[in-house]
PDB file of N, CA and C in Angstrom:
ATOM      1  N   MET A   1       0.821  -1.181   0.000  1.00  0.00           N
ATOM      2  CA  MET A   1       0.000   0.000   0.000  1.00  0.00           C
ATOM      3  C   MET A   1       0.869   1.251   0.000  1.00  0.00           C
ATOM      4  N   LYS A   2       0.338   2.274  -0.594  1.00  0.00           N
ATOM      5  CA  LYS A   2       1.030   3.535  -0.662  1.00  0.00           C
ATOM      6  C   LYS A   2       0.827   4.309   0.639  1.00  0.00           C
ATOM      7  N   THR A   3       1.911   4.887   1.169  1.00  0.00           N
ATOM      8  CA  THR A   3       1.774   5.670   2.390  1.00  0.00           C
ATOM      9  C   THR A   3       1.316   7.084   2.038  1.00  0.00           C
ATOM     10  N   LYS A   4       0.423   7.611   2.854  1.00  0.00           N
ATOM     11  CA  LYS A   4      -0.119   8.937   2.612  1.00  0.00           C
ATOM     12  C   LYS A   4       0.841   9.991   3.135  1.00  0.00           C
ATOM     13  N   LYS A   5       1.073  11.028   2.335  1.00  0.00           N
ATOM     14  CA  LYS A   5       1.980  12.095   2.719  1.00  0.00           C
ATOM     15  C   LYS A   5       1.301  12.992   3.756  1.00  0.00           C
ATOM     16  N   VAL A   6       2.021  13.302   4.828  1.00  0.00           N
ATOM     17  CA  VAL A   6       1.504  14.178   5.875  1.00  0.00           C
ATOM     18  C   VAL A   6       1.827  15.617   5.473  1.00  0.00           C
ATOM     19  N   PRO A   7       0.808  16.496   5.355  1.00  0.00           N
ATOM     20  CA  PRO A   7       1.086  17.877   4.971  1.00  0.00           C
ATOM     21  C   PRO A   7       1.874  18.604   6.059  1.00  0.00           C
ATOM     22  N   GLU A   8       2.863  19.374   5.640  1.00  0.00           N
ATOM     23  CA  GLU A   8       3.692  20.122   6.572  1.00  0.00           C
ATOM     24  C   GLU A   8       3.585  21.609   6.290  1.00  0.00           C
ATOM     25  N   ARG A   9       3.759  22.406   7.346  1.00  0.00           N
ATOM     26  CA  ARG A   9       3.769  23.855   7.229  1.00  0.00           C
ATOM     27  C   ARG A   9       4.958  24.380   8.016  1.00  0.00           C
ATOM     28  N   ARG A  10       5.522  25.493   7.561  1.00  0.00           N
ATOM     29  CA  ARG A  10       6.681  26.097   8.219  1.00  0.00           C
ATOM     30  C   ARG A  10       6.195  27.086   9.273  1.00  0.00           C
ATOM     31  N   CYS A  11       6.700  26.944  10.477  1.00  0.00           N
ATOM     32  CA  CYS A  11       6.366  27.853  11.569  1.00  0.00           C
ATOM     33  C   CYS A  11       7.097  29.175  11.329  1.00  0.00           C
ATOM     34  N   VAL A  12       6.385  30.300  11.429  1.00  0.00           N
ATOM     35  CA  VAL A  12       7.028  31.596  11.221  1.00  0.00           C
ATOM     36  C   VAL A  12       7.863  32.013  12.429  1.00  0.00           C
ATOM     37  N   GLY A  13       7.723  31.315  13.540  1.00  0.00           N
ATOM     38  CA  GLY A  13       8.512  31.623  14.735  1.00  0.00           C
ATOM     39  C   GLY A  13       9.866  30.952  14.705  1.00  0.00           C
ATOM     40  N   CYS A  14       9.864  29.616  14.674  1.00  0.00           N
ATOM     41  CA  CYS A  14      11.127  28.865  14.718  1.00  0.00           C
ATOM     42  C   CYS A  14      11.621  28.483  13.319  1.00  0.00           C
ATOM     43  N   MET A  15      10.795  28.718  12.303  1.00  0.00           N
ATOM     44  CA  MET A  15      11.138  28.456  10.899  1.00  0.00           C
ATOM     45  C   MET A  15      11.387  26.976  10.595  1.00  0.00           C
ATOM     46  N   LYS A  16      10.820  26.088  11.408  1.00  0.00           N
ATOM     47  CA  LYS A  16      10.964  24.653  11.179  1.00  0.00           C
ATOM     48  C   LYS A  16       9.676  24.099  10.584  1.00  0.00           C
ATOM     49  N   PRO A  17       9.802  23.152   9.636  1.00  0.00           N
ATOM     50  CA  PRO A  17       8.587  22.514   9.120  1.00  0.00           C
ATOM     51  C   PRO A  17       7.990  21.570  10.162  1.00  0.00           C
ATOM     52  N   ARG A  18       6.690  21.621  10.302  1.00  0.00           N
ATOM     53  CA  ARG A  18       5.966  20.786  11.260  1.00  0.00           C
ATOM     54  C   ARG A  18       4.737  20.218  10.567  1.00  0.00           C
ATOM     55  N   PRO A  19       4.232  19.096  11.065  1.00  0.00           N
ATOM     56  CA  PRO A  19       2.960  18.601  10.517  1.00  0.00           C
ATOM     57  C   PRO A  19       1.864  19.647  10.720  1.00  0.00           C
ATOM     58  N   LYS A  20       1.013  19.790   9.727  1.00  0.00           N
ATOM     59  CA  LYS A  20      -0.016  20.828   9.734  1.00  0.00           C
ATOM     60  C   LYS A  20      -0.914  20.743  10.967  1.00  0.00           C
ATOM     61  N   ARG A  21      -1.207  19.556  11.434  1.00  0.00           N
ATOM     62  CA  ARG A  21      -2.083  19.384  12.598  1.00  0.00           C
ATOM     63  C   ARG A  21      -1.454  19.873  13.897  1.00  0.00           C
ATOM     64  N   GLU A  22      -0.138  20.015  13.926  1.00  0.00           N
ATOM     65  CA  GLU A  22       0.551  20.491  15.117  1.00  0.00           C
ATOM     66  C   GLU A  22       0.691  22.012  15.137  1.00  0.00           C
ATOM     67  N   CYS A  23       0.196  22.682  14.114  1.00  0.00           N
ATOM     68  CA  CYS A  23       0.345  24.129  14.001  1.00  0.00           C
ATOM     69  C   CYS A  23      -1.004  24.830  14.130  1.00  0.00           C
ATOM     70  N   ILE A  24      -0.931  26.110  14.443  1.00  0.00           N
ATOM     71  CA  ILE A  24      -2.121  26.956  14.485  1.00  0.00           C
ATOM     72  C   ILE A  24      -2.001  27.950  13.346  1.00  0.00           C
ATOM     73  N   ARG A  25      -3.085  28.130  12.611  1.00  0.00           N
ATOM     74  CA  ARG A  25      -3.085  29.045  11.480  1.00  0.00           C
ATOM     75  C   ARG A  25      -3.486  30.432  11.943  1.00  0.00           C
ATOM     76  N   ILE A  26      -2.698  31.423  11.549  1.00  0.00           N
ATOM     77  CA  ILE A  26      -3.020  32.824  11.763  1.00  0.00           C
ATOM     78  C   ILE A  26      -3.423  33.359  10.392  1.00  0.00           C
ATOM     79  N   CYS A  27      -4.569  34.032  10.320  1.00  0.00           N
ATOM     80  CA  CYS A  27      -5.136  34.401   9.031  1.00  0.00           C
ATOM     81  C   CYS A  27      -5.328  35.906   8.911  1.00  0.00           C
ATOM     82  N   ARG A  28      -5.015  36.446   7.736  1.00  0.00           N
ATOM     83  CA  ARG A  28      -5.394  37.819   7.388  1.00  0.00           C
ATOM     84  C   ARG A  28      -6.598  37.699   6.469  1.00  0.00           C
ATOM     85  N   THR A  29      -7.742  38.111   6.966  1.00  0.00           N
ATOM     86  CA  THR A  29      -8.979  37.984   6.213  1.00  0.00           C
ATOM     87  C   THR A  29      -8.998  38.976   5.052  1.00  0.00           C
ATOM     88  N   PRO A  30      -9.890  38.783   4.079  1.00  0.00           N
ATOM     89  CA  PRO A  30      -9.959  39.715   2.951  1.00  0.00           C
ATOM     90  C   PRO A  30     -10.245  41.162   3.363  1.00  0.00           C
ATOM     91  N   ASP A  31     -10.888  41.365   4.522  1.00  0.00           N
ATOM     92  CA  ASP A  31     -11.151  42.734   4.970  1.00  0.00           C
ATOM     93  C   ASP A  31     -10.019  43.289   5.835  1.00  0.00           C
ATOM     94  N   GLY A  32      -8.912  42.557   5.991  1.00  0.00           N
ATOM     95  CA  GLY A  32      -7.716  43.061   6.651  1.00  0.00           C
ATOM     96  C   GLY A  32      -7.568  42.711   8.114  1.00  0.00           C
ATOM     97  N   GLN A  33      -8.505  41.982   8.711  1.00  0.00           N
ATOM     98  CA  GLN A  33      -8.379  41.591  10.110  1.00  0.00           C
ATOM     99  C   GLN A  33      -7.404  40.427  10.230  1.00  0.00           C
ATOM    100  N   ILE A  34      -6.684  40.398  11.351  1.00  0.00           N
ATOM    101  CA  ILE A  34      -5.748  39.303  11.600  1.00  0.00           C
ATOM    102  C   ILE A  34      -6.216  38.578  12.841  1.00  0.00           C
ATOM    103  N   LYS A  35      -6.451  37.261  12.702  1.00  0.00           N
ATOM    104  CA  LYS A  35      -6.949  36.472  13.826  1.00  0.00           C
ATOM    105  C   LYS A  35      -6.529  35.024  13.680  1.00  0.00           C
ATOM    106  N   THR A  36      -6.648  34.265  14.770  1.00  0.00           N
ATOM    107  CA  THR A  36      -6.327  32.841  14.703  1.00  0.00           C
ATOM    108  C   THR A  36      -7.449  32.114  13.986  1.00  0.00           C
ATOM    109  N   ASP A  37      -7.083  31.031  13.324  1.00  0.00           N
ATOM    110  CA  ASP A  37      -8.042  30.224  12.575  1.00  0.00           C
ATOM    111  C   ASP A  37      -7.926  28.784  13.058  1.00  0.00           C
ATOM    112  N   PRO A  38      -8.665  28.422  14.114  1.00  0.00           N
ATOM    113  CA  PRO A  38      -8.532  27.057  14.645  1.00  0.00           C
ATOM    114  C   PRO A  38      -9.003  25.974  13.680  1.00  0.00           C
ATOM    115  N   THR A  39      -9.917  26.303  12.756  1.00  0.00           N
ATOM    116  CA  THR A  39     -10.408  25.304  11.813  1.00  0.00           C
ATOM    117  C   THR A  39      -9.473  25.128  10.624  1.00  0.00           C
ATOM    118  N   GLY A  40      -8.702  26.169  10.302  1.00  0.00           N
ATOM    119  CA  GLY A  40      -7.800  26.103   9.155  1.00  0.00           C
ATOM    120  C   GLY A  40      -8.495  26.309   7.834  1.00  0.00           C
ATOM    121  N   LYS A  41      -9.745  26.775   7.854  1.00  0.00           N
ATOM    122  CA  LYS A  41     -10.516  26.914   6.621  1.00  0.00           C
ATOM    123  C   LYS A  41     -11.004  28.329   6.348  1.00  0.00           C
ATOM    124  N   MET A  42     -10.580  29.288   7.156  1.00  0.00           N
ATOM    125  CA  MET A  42     -11.022  30.667   6.998  1.00  0.00           C
ATOM    126  C   MET A  42     -10.456  31.251   5.706  1.00  0.00           C
ATOM    127  N   ASN A  43     -11.244  32.070   5.027  1.00  0.00           N
ATOM    128  CA  ASN A  43     -10.774  32.723   3.813  1.00  0.00           C
ATOM    129  C   ASN A  43      -9.691  33.737   4.155  1.00  0.00           C
ATOM    130  N   GLY A  44      -8.683  33.816   3.313  1.00  0.00           N
ATOM    131  CA  GLY A  44      -7.629  34.796   3.492  1.00  0.00           C
ATOM    132  C   GLY A  44      -6.254  34.161   3.460  1.00  0.00           C
ATOM    133  N   ARG A  45      -5.265  35.015   3.611  1.00  0.00           N
ATOM    134  CA  ARG A  45      -3.870  34.563   3.600  1.00  0.00           C
ATOM    135  C   ARG A  45      -3.501  34.026   4.972  1.00  0.00           C
ATOM    136  N   GLY A  46      -2.839  32.902   4.999  1.00  0.00           N
ATOM    137  CA  GLY A  46      -2.513  32.266   6.269  1.00  0.00           C
ATOM    138  C   GLY A  46      -1.025  32.135   6.511  1.00  0.00           C
ATOM    139  N   ALA A  47      -0.680  32.118   7.788  1.00  0.00           N
ATOM    140  CA  ALA A  47       0.680  31.829   8.244  1.00  0.00           C
ATOM    141  C   ALA A  47       0.522  30.875   9.413  1.00  0.00           C
ATOM    142  N   TYR A  48       1.468  30.000   9.591  1.00  0.00           N
ATOM    143  CA  TYR A  48       1.359  28.969  10.618  1.00  0.00           C
ATOM    144  C   TYR A  48       2.390  29.185  11.717  1.00  0.00           C
ATOM    145  N   ILE A  49       1.993  28.786  12.926  1.00  0.00           N
ATOM    146  CA  ILE A  49       2.871  28.909  14.081  1.00  0.00           C
ATOM    147  C   ILE A  49       2.714  27.669  14.949  1.00  0.00           C
ATOM    148  N   CYS A  50       3.811  27.247  15.580  1.00  0.00           N
ATOM    149  CA  CYS A  50       3.768  26.101  16.487  1.00  0.00           C
ATOM    150  C   CYS A  50       2.841  26.396  17.655  1.00  0.00           C
ATOM    151  N   ARG A  51       2.432  25.360  18.338  1.00  0.00           N
ATOM    152  CA  ARG A  51       1.599  25.530  19.532  1.00  0.00           C
ATOM    153  C   ARG A  51       2.497  25.828  20.730  1.00  0.00           C
ATOM    154  N   ASP A  52       3.256  26.914  20.592  1.00  0.00           N
ATOM    155  CA  ASP A  52       4.209  27.296  21.622  1.00  0.00           C
ATOM    156  C   ASP A  52       4.265  28.820  21.675  1.00  0.00           C
ATOM    157  N   VAL A  53       4.119  29.375  22.862  1.00  0.00           N
ATOM    158  CA  VAL A  53       4.114  30.826  23.021  1.00  0.00           C
ATOM    159  C   VAL A  53       5.474  31.419  22.652  1.00  0.00           C
ATOM    160  N   SER A  54       6.555  30.676  22.878  1.00  0.00           N
ATOM    161  CA  SER A  54       7.881  31.207  22.544  1.00  0.00           C
ATOM    162  C   SER A  54       8.027  31.420  21.033  1.00  0.00           C
ATOM    163  N   CYS A  55       7.402  30.577  20.234  1.00  0.00           N
ATOM    164  CA  CYS A  55       7.440  30.771  18.780  1.00  0.00           C
ATOM    165  C   CYS A  55       6.669  32.030  18.380  1.00  0.00           C
ATOM    166  N   LEU A  56       5.556  32.275  19.058  1.00  0.00           N
ATOM    167  CA  LEU A  56       4.798  33.503  18.794  1.00  0.00           C
ATOM    168  C   LEU A  56       5.642  34.719  19.137  1.00  0.00           C
ATOM    169  N   GLU A  57       6.340  34.668  20.256  1.00  0.00           N
ATOM    170  CA  GLU A  57       7.186  35.797  20.661  1.00  0.00           C
ATOM    171  C   GLU A  57       8.320  36.019  19.668  1.00  0.00           C
ATOM    172  N   LYS A  58       8.924  34.944  19.150  1.00  0.00           N
ATOM    173  CA  LYS A  58       9.982  35.077  18.139  1.00  0.00           C
ATOM    174  C   LYS A  58       9.436  35.722  16.875  1.00  0.00           C
ATOM    175  N   ALA A  59       8.227  35.316  16.471  1.00  0.00           N
ATOM    176  CA  ALA A  59       7.620  35.860  15.260  1.00  0.00           C
ATOM    177  C   ALA A  59       7.305  37.349  15.433  1.00  0.00           C
ATOM    178  N   ILE A  60       6.842  37.724  16.629  1.00  0.00           N
ATOM    179  CA  ILE A  60       6.529  39.132  16.885  1.00  0.00           C
ATOM    180  C   ILE A  60       7.813  39.955  16.915  1.00  0.00           C
ATOM    181  N   LYS A  61       8.827  39.458  17.615  1.00  0.00           N
ATOM    182  CA  LYS A  61      10.091  40.181  17.743  1.00  0.00           C
ATOM    183  C   LYS A  61      10.760  40.372  16.379  1.00  0.00           C
ATOM    184  N   GLY A  62      10.692  39.361  15.533  1.00  0.00           N
ATOM    185  CA  GLY A  62      11.303  39.434  14.207  1.00  0.00           C
ATOM    186  C   GLY A  62      10.431  40.092  13.163  1.00  0.00           C
ATOM    187  N   ASN A  63       9.249  40.583  13.563  1.00  0.00           N
ATOM    188  CA  ASN A  63       8.319  41.253  12.650  1.00  0.00           C
ATOM    189  C   ASN A  63       7.943  40.349  11.472  1.00  0.00           C
ATOM    190  N   ARG A  64       7.835  39.050  11.738  1.00  0.00           N
ATOM    191  CA  ARG A  64       7.610  38.076  10.667  1.00  0.00           C
ATOM    192  C   ARG A  64       6.175  38.045  10.165  1.00  0.00           C
ATOM    193  N   PHE A  65       5.219  38.350  11.040  1.00  0.00           N
ATOM    194  CA  PHE A  65       3.827  38.380  10.575  1.00  0.00           C
ATOM    195  C   PHE A  65       3.617  39.519   9.584  1.00  0.00           C
ATOM    196  N   ALA A  66       4.243  40.658   9.838  1.00  0.00           N
ATOM    197  CA  ALA A  66       4.118  41.797   8.920  1.00  0.00           C
ATOM    198  C   ALA A  66       4.673  41.433   7.538  1.00  0.00           C
ATOM    199  N   ARG A  67       5.767  40.676   7.514  1.00  0.00           N
ATOM    200  CA  ARG A  67       6.329  40.241   6.236  1.00  0.00           C
ATOM    201  C   ARG A  67       5.443  39.214   5.553  1.00  0.00           C
ATOM    202  N   GLU A  68       4.933  38.245   6.317  1.00  0.00           N
ATOM    203  CA  GLU A  68       4.091  37.198   5.739  1.00  0.00           C
ATOM    204  C   GLU A  68       2.791  37.771   5.166  1.00  0.00           C
ATOM    205  N   PHE A  69       2.201  38.718   5.912  1.00  0.00           N
ATOM    206  CA  PHE A  69       0.917  39.279   5.492  1.00  0.00           C
ATOM    207  C   PHE A  69       1.060  40.534   4.649  1.00  0.00           C
ATOM    208  N   GLU A  70       2.296  41.003   4.450  1.00  0.00           N
ATOM    209  CA  GLU A  70       2.587  42.168   3.624  1.00  0.00           C
ATOM    210  C   GLU A  70       1.780  43.390   4.059  1.00  0.00           C
ATOM    211  N   THR A  71       1.734  43.611   5.371  1.00  0.00           N
ATOM    212  CA  THR A  71       1.027  44.763   5.930  1.00  0.00           C
ATOM    213  C   THR A  71       1.589  45.082   7.306  1.00  0.00           C
ATOM    214  N   GLN A  72       1.399  46.321   7.754  1.00  0.00           N
ATOM    215  CA  GLN A  72       1.818  46.706   9.097  1.00  0.00           C
ATOM    216  C   GLN A  72       0.788  46.205  10.099  1.00  0.00           C
ATOM    217  N   ILE A  73       1.269  45.694  11.235  1.00  0.00           N
ATOM    218  CA  ILE A  73       0.376  45.134  12.245  1.00  0.00           C
ATOM    219  C   ILE A  73       0.551  45.917  13.538  1.00  0.00           C
ATOM    220  N   PRO A  74      -0.532  46.503  14.063  1.00  0.00           N
ATOM    221  CA  PRO A  74      -0.421  47.250  15.323  1.00  0.00           C
ATOM    222  C   PRO A  74      -0.209  46.322  16.517  1.00  0.00           C
ATOM    223  N   GLY A  75       0.332  46.869  17.594  1.00  0.00           N
ATOM    224  CA  GLY A  75       0.628  46.090  18.800  1.00  0.00           C
ATOM    225  C   GLY A  75      -0.600  45.485  19.438  1.00  0.00           C
ATOM    226  N   SER A  76      -1.753  46.133  19.297  1.00  0.00           N
ATOM    227  CA  SER A  76      -2.988  45.601  19.891  1.00  0.00           C
ATOM    228  C   SER A  76      -3.374  44.264  19.261  1.00  0.00           C
ATOM    229  N   VAL A  77      -3.060  44.094  17.979  1.00  0.00           N
ATOM    230  CA  VAL A  77      -3.359  42.828  17.304  1.00  0.00           C
ATOM    231  C   VAL A  77      -2.499  41.713  17.886  1.00  0.00           C
ATOM    232  N   TYR A  78      -1.230  42.014  18.190  1.00  0.00           N
ATOM    233  CA  TYR A  78      -0.352  41.010  18.792  1.00  0.00           C
ATOM    234  C   TYR A  78      -0.867  40.581  20.161  1.00  0.00           C
ATOM    235  N   GLU A  79      -1.395  41.522  20.932  1.00  0.00           N
ATOM    236  CA  GLU A  79      -1.964  41.178  22.242  1.00  0.00           C
ATOM    237  C   GLU A  79      -3.160  40.244  22.077  1.00  0.00           C
ATOM    238  N   GLU A  80      -4.005  40.523  21.093  1.00  0.00           N
ATOM    239  CA  GLU A  80      -5.157  39.652  20.820  1.00  0.00           C
ATOM    240  C   GLU A  80      -4.697  38.264  20.376  1.00  0.00           C
ATOM    241  N   LEU A  81      -3.645  38.208  19.554  1.00  0.00           N
ATOM    242  CA  LEU A  81      -3.118  36.918  19.114  1.00  0.00           C
ATOM    243  C   LEU A  81      -2.590  36.105  20.290  1.00  0.00           C
ATOM    244  N   ARG A  82      -1.919  36.763  21.229  1.00  0.00           N
ATOM    245  CA  ARG A  82      -1.435  36.061  22.426  1.00  0.00           C
ATOM    246  C   ARG A  82      -2.597  35.444  23.187  1.00  0.00           C
ATOM    247  N   LYS A  83      -3.655  36.230  23.389  1.00  0.00           N
ATOM    248  CA  LYS A  83      -4.830  35.737  24.120  1.00  0.00           C
ATOM    249  C   LYS A  83      -5.483  34.572  23.386  1.00  0.00           C
ATOM    250  N   GLU A  84      -5.658  34.722  22.066  1.00  0.00           N
ATOM    251  CA  GLU A  84      -6.289  33.666  21.277  1.00  0.00           C
ATOM    252  C   GLU A  84      -5.434  32.407  21.247  1.00  0.00           C
ATOM    253  N   LEU A  85      -4.110  32.560  21.170  1.00  0.00           N
ATOM    254  CA  LEU A  85      -3.229  31.400  21.160  1.00  0.00           C
ATOM    255  C   LEU A  85      -3.324  30.656  22.484  1.00  0.00           C
ATOM    256  N   LEU A  86      -3.331  31.380  23.593  1.00  0.00           N
ATOM    257  CA  LEU A  86      -3.475  30.734  24.895  1.00  0.00           C
ATOM    258  C   LEU A  86      -4.814  30.028  25.012  1.00  0.00           C
ATOM    259  N   THR A  87      -5.873  30.626  24.460  1.00  0.00           N
ATOM    260  CA  THR A  87      -7.189  29.989  24.475  1.00  0.00           C
ATOM    261  C   THR A  87      -7.171  28.710  23.643  1.00  0.00           C
ATOM    262  N   CYS A  88      -6.537  28.765  22.460  1.00  0.00           N
ATOM    263  CA  CYS A  88      -6.439  27.573  21.609  1.00  0.00           C
ATOM    264  C   CYS A  88      -5.648  26.470  22.309  1.00  0.00           C
ATOM    265  N   LEU A  89      -4.568  26.845  22.982  1.00  0.00           N
ATOM    266  CA  LEU A  89      -3.752  25.854  23.678  1.00  0.00           C
ATOM    267  C   LEU A  89      -4.526  25.224  24.828  1.00  0.00           C
ATOM    268  N   GLN A  90      -5.270  26.019  25.565  1.00  0.00           N
ATOM    269  CA  GLN A  90      -6.037  25.481  26.684  1.00  0.00           C
ATOM    270  C   GLN A  90      -7.153  24.566  26.198  1.00  0.00           C
ATOM    271  N   SER A  91      -7.808  24.931  25.100  1.00  0.00           N
ATOM    272  CA  SER A  91      -8.887  24.084  24.588  1.00  0.00           C
ATOM    273  C   SER A  91      -8.341  22.779  24.016  1.00  0.00           C
ATOM    274  N   SER A  92      -7.149  22.821  23.398  1.00  0.00           N
ATOM    275  CA  SER A  92      -6.575  21.579  22.868  1.00  0.00           C
ATOM    276  C   SER A  92      -6.092  20.685  24.003  1.00  0.00           C
ATOM    277  N   ASP A  93      -5.599  21.275  25.101  1.00  0.00           N
ATOM    278  CA  ASP A  93      -5.191  20.476  26.259  1.00  0.00           C
ATOM    279  C   ASP A  93      -6.388  19.796  26.901  1.00  0.00           C
ATOM    280  N   SER A  94      -7.492  20.508  27.036  1.00  0.00           N
ATOM    281  CA  SER A  94      -8.675  19.913  27.653  1.00  0.00           C
ATOM    282  C   SER A  94      -9.291  18.846  26.739  1.00  0.00           C
ATOM    283  N   ALA A  95      -9.192  19.036  25.425  1.00  0.00           N
ATOM    284  CA  ALA A  95      -9.737  18.052  24.496  1.00  0.00           C
ATOM    285  C   ALA A  95      -8.917  16.765  24.499  1.00  0.00           C
ATOM    286  N   SER A  96      -7.614  16.912  24.741  1.00  0.00           N
ATOM    287  CA  SER A  96      -6.756  15.735  24.752  1.00  0.00           C
ATOM    288  C   SER A  96      -6.636  15.116  26.145  1.00  0.00           C
ATOM    289  N   GLY A  97      -7.435  15.616  27.086  1.00  0.00           N
ATOM    290  CA  GLY A  97      -7.394  15.053  28.426  1.00  0.00           C
ATOM    291  C   GLY A  97      -6.390  15.740  29.322  1.00  0.00           C
ATOM    292  N   GLY A  98      -5.874  16.889  28.881  1.00  0.00           N
ATOM    293  CA  GLY A  98      -4.950  17.635  29.710  1.00  0.00           C
ATOM    294  C   GLY A  98      -3.579  17.003  29.835  1.00  0.00           C
ATOM    295  N   GLY A  99      -3.263  16.029  28.997  1.00  0.00           N
ATOM    296  CA  GLY A  99      -1.956  15.419  29.039  1.00  0.00           C
ATOM    297  C   GLY A  99      -1.813  14.374  30.129  1.00  0.00           C
ATOM    298  N   ILE A 100      -2.902  13.991  30.770  1.00  0.00           N
ATOM    299  CA  ILE A 100      -2.848  13.004  31.838  1.00  0.00           C
ATOM    300  C   ILE A 100      -3.027  11.616  31.235  1.00  0.00           C
ATOM    301  N   ILE A 101      -2.098  10.749  31.518  1.00  0.00           N
ATOM    302  CA  ILE A 101      -2.162   9.372  31.010  1.00  0.00           C
ATOM    303  C   ILE A 101      -2.564   8.465  32.162  1.00  0.00           C
ATOM    304  N   GLU A 102      -3.594   7.689  31.939  1.00  0.00           N
ATOM    305  CA  GLU A 102      -4.067   6.773  32.993  1.00  0.00           C
ATOM    306  C   GLU A 102      -3.617   5.368  32.726  1.00  0.00           C
TER     307      GLU A 102
END
């Protein structure tokens, strides 16, 4: 049988390729808003980031989202992204059982 290829995306924080399911998509919508896309199906240009706050901080410090989205991003948007990323991480932890193995 043929093995199925796992789609990979490059994290804009650490610049390493990761499986798409391990990343969170950040999207610039057609009307110019920037927000997290937990479903991965939102219309607009997307950039991917690891499920790690340190990668988000590297991307912000290196101004990588502005380059990926080809637009200037105000600091308030970065604060919203931090909050949304933490919310996504908490919801994925609770969905997976919080990492507790019985």
